[in-house]
Amino acid sequence: VFNCADTISTAFMAQMFKGLASCGAWSCFDEFNRIELEVLSVIAQQLMAIQQSIAEGKKDLLFEGTTIKIKPTCNCFITFNPLTKGYAGRSELPDNLKALFRTVAMMVPDYTMISEIRLYAYGFTDARNLARKITTTY
């Protein structure tokens, strides 16, 4: 997991992608939308080159002026925070970058419901009341 900042450059990300692609590693770039919009556009092109090479089954890739061996197991994941009042300095992701990732929405789990189901599974008959009391206490 790598925490992104607004100071990240395209050259830095190219080095990161070269390493990931050549060793087949996975990486998660946290708070990806803190990176400046101009840099995000270039990153989209870099990621697209890697993803296309993997899709085409290529073994080598000319990436940013360097030929690298590419392993198809490499992958990149991103997280980003919403563009709301509490999160300053965030950019909207460019469309060409959005197209490279699958969106997954996250939300706070309902601990009372989870507790209730587990308590029923363990054989408690009054699981609803117990779950409410447990989640209120803890």
Protein backbone atom coordinates (compact mmCIF):
# COMPACT_ATOMS: atom_id res chain seq x y z
CA VAL A 1 0.00 0.00 0.00
CA PHE A 2 1.38 3.36 -1.04
CA ASN A 3 -0.11 6.60 0.27
CA CYS A 4 -0.28 9.14 -2.58
CA ALA A 5 0.38 12.86 -2.24
CA ASP A 6 0.03 15.89 -4.49
CA THR A 7 3.82 15.96 -4.96
CA ILE A 8 3.96 12.69 -6.94
CA SER A 9 5.39 13.10 -10.43
CA THR A 10 4.91 11.11 -13.62
CA ALA A 11 8.58 10.03 -13.51
CA PHE A 12 8.14 8.62 -10.00
CA MET A 13 5.02 6.70 -11.01
CA ALA A 14 6.78 5.38 -14.14
CA GLN A 15 9.54 3.96 -11.92
CA MET A 16 6.93 2.43 -9.64
CA PHE A 17 5.06 0.86 -12.56
CA LYS A 18 8.28 -0.48 -14.10
CA GLY A 19 9.08 -2.27 -10.85
CA LEU A 20 5.57 -3.64 -10.41
CA ALA A 21 5.29 -4.85 -14.01
CA SER A 22 8.73 -6.44 -14.10
CA CYS A 23 8.30 -8.42 -10.87
CA GLY A 24 4.57 -9.17 -11.22
CA ALA A 25 3.63 -7.51 -7.93
CA TRP A 26 0.38 -5.96 -6.81
CA SER A 27 0.09 -2.49 -5.36
CA CYS A 28 -2.65 -0.40 -3.82
CA PHE A 29 -2.34 3.36 -4.25
CA ASP A 30 -4.25 4.94 -1.38
CA GLU A 31 -5.90 8.36 -1.77
CA PHE A 32 -5.11 8.30 -5.50
CA ASN A 33 -7.19 11.40 -6.21
CA ARG A 34 -4.77 13.57 -4.23
CA ILE A 35 -2.44 13.44 -7.24
CA GLU A 36 -2.67 16.46 -9.56
CA LEU A 37 -4.98 16.15 -12.55
CA GLU A 38 -2.19 16.58 -15.14
CA VAL A 39 -0.20 13.75 -13.54
CA LEU A 40 -3.30 11.52 -13.37
CA SER A 41 -3.78 11.86 -17.13
CA VAL A 42 -0.23 10.65 -17.82
CA ILE A 43 -0.61 7.84 -15.27
CA ALA A 44 -3.70 6.67 -17.19
CA GLN A 45 -1.60 6.33 -20.35
CA GLN A 46 1.12 4.45 -18.44
CA LEU A 47 -1.36 2.02 -16.90
CA MET A 48 -3.12 1.49 -20.22
CA ALA A 49 0.19 0.50 -21.85
CA ILE A 50 0.83 -2.10 -19.14
CA GLN A 51 -2.73 -3.47 -19.21
CA GLN A 52 -2.73 -3.74 -23.02
CA SER A 53 0.57 -5.60 -23.01
CA ILE A 54 -0.77 -8.10 -20.49
CA ALA A 55 -4.03 -8.52 -22.45
CA GLU A 56 -2.07 -9.16 -25.65
CA GLY A 57 0.17 -11.70 -23.91
CA LYS A 58 3.39 -9.81 -24.60
CA LYS A 59 6.52 -10.74 -22.68
CA ASP A 60 8.35 -7.43 -23.23
CA LEU A 61 7.11 -3.86 -23.07
CA LEU A 62 8.68 -0.62 -24.24
CA PHE A 63 7.71 1.57 -21.30
CA GLU A 64 8.84 5.18 -20.96
CA GLY A 65 11.88 4.58 -23.18
CA THR A 66 12.97 1.34 -21.49
CA THR A 67 12.24 -2.23 -22.55
CA ILE A 68 11.15 -4.29 -19.55
CA LYS A 69 10.11 -7.91 -19.09
CA ILE A 70 6.50 -7.89 -18.02
CA LYS A 71 4.89 -10.48 -15.76
CA PRO A 72 1.14 -10.88 -16.24
CA THR A 73 0.47 -11.16 -12.50
CA CYS A 74 1.10 -7.46 -11.88
CA ASN A 75 -1.90 -5.39 -10.92
CA CYS A 76 -2.76 -1.97 -9.50
CA PHE A 77 -5.58 -1.02 -7.21
CA ILE A 78 -6.57 2.47 -6.11
CA THR A 79 -8.59 4.00 -3.33
CA PHE A 80 -9.86 7.55 -3.26
CA ASN A 81 -11.93 9.74 -1.01
CA PRO A 82 -15.01 11.63 -2.16
CA LEU A 83 -14.87 15.22 -3.37
CA THR A 84 -16.73 16.55 -0.34
CA LYS A 85 -16.14 19.32 2.16
CA GLY A 86 -14.17 17.15 4.59
CA TYR A 87 -11.58 16.05 2.00
CA ALA A 88 -9.66 19.03 0.66
CA GLY A 89 -7.19 18.81 -2.22
CA ARG A 90 -8.89 16.01 -4.13
CA SER A 91 -9.21 15.77 -7.93
CA GLU A 92 -11.91 14.17 -10.00
CA LEU A 93 -10.38 11.19 -11.82
CA PRO A 94 -10.10 11.64 -15.61
CA ASP A 95 -12.45 9.45 -17.67
CA ASN A 96 -9.57 7.58 -19.34
CA LEU A 97 -8.31 6.61 -15.87
CA LYS A 98 -11.75 5.64 -14.55
CA ALA A 99 -12.13 3.25 -17.48
CA LEU A 100 -9.11 1.24 -16.32
CA PHE A 101 -10.58 0.34 -12.91
CA ARG A 102 -13.67 -1.37 -11.59
CA THR A 103 -15.61 0.74 -9.09
CA VAL A 104 -16.49 -0.72 -5.71
CA ALA A 105 -18.48 1.30 -3.18
CA MET A 106 -17.71 0.95 0.51
CA MET A 107 -19.96 1.62 3.47
CA VAL A 108 -19.97 1.15 7.24
CA PRO A 109 -21.22 -2.36 8.12
CA ASP A 110 -24.36 -2.87 10.19
CA TYR A 111 -22.76 -4.41 13.28
CA THR A 112 -26.13 -5.09 14.90
CA MET A 113 -27.32 -7.16 11.96
CA ILE A 114 -24.04 -9.05 11.75
CA SER A 115 -24.17 -9.80 15.47
CA GLU A 116 -27.80 -10.90 15.25
CA ILE A 117 -27.10 -13.36 12.44
CA ARG A 118 -24.09 -14.80 14.24
CA LEU A 119 -26.03 -15.17 17.48
CA TYR A 120 -28.87 -16.98 15.66
CA ALA A 121 -26.27 -19.23 14.03
CA TYR A 122 -24.90 -20.10 17.48
CA GLY A 123 -28.40 -21.05 18.65
CA PHE A 124 -29.52 -17.99 20.64
CA THR A 125 -33.30 -17.57 20.45
CA ASP A 126 -33.41 -13.89 21.49
CA ALA A 127 -30.59 -12.84 19.15
CA ARG A 128 -32.15 -9.53 18.07
CA ASN A 129 -32.26 -8.06 21.57
CA LEU A 130 -28.87 -9.48 22.49
CA ALA A 131 -27.28 -8.08 19.32
CA ARG A 132 -28.69 -4.61 20.01
CA LYS A 133 -27.36 -4.71 23.57
CA ILE A 134 -23.92 -5.97 22.50
CA THR A 135 -23.42 -3.34 19.80
CA THR A 136 -24.68 -0.57 22.10
CA THR A 137 -22.25 -1.65 24.83
CA TYR A 138 -19.23 -2.12 22.55
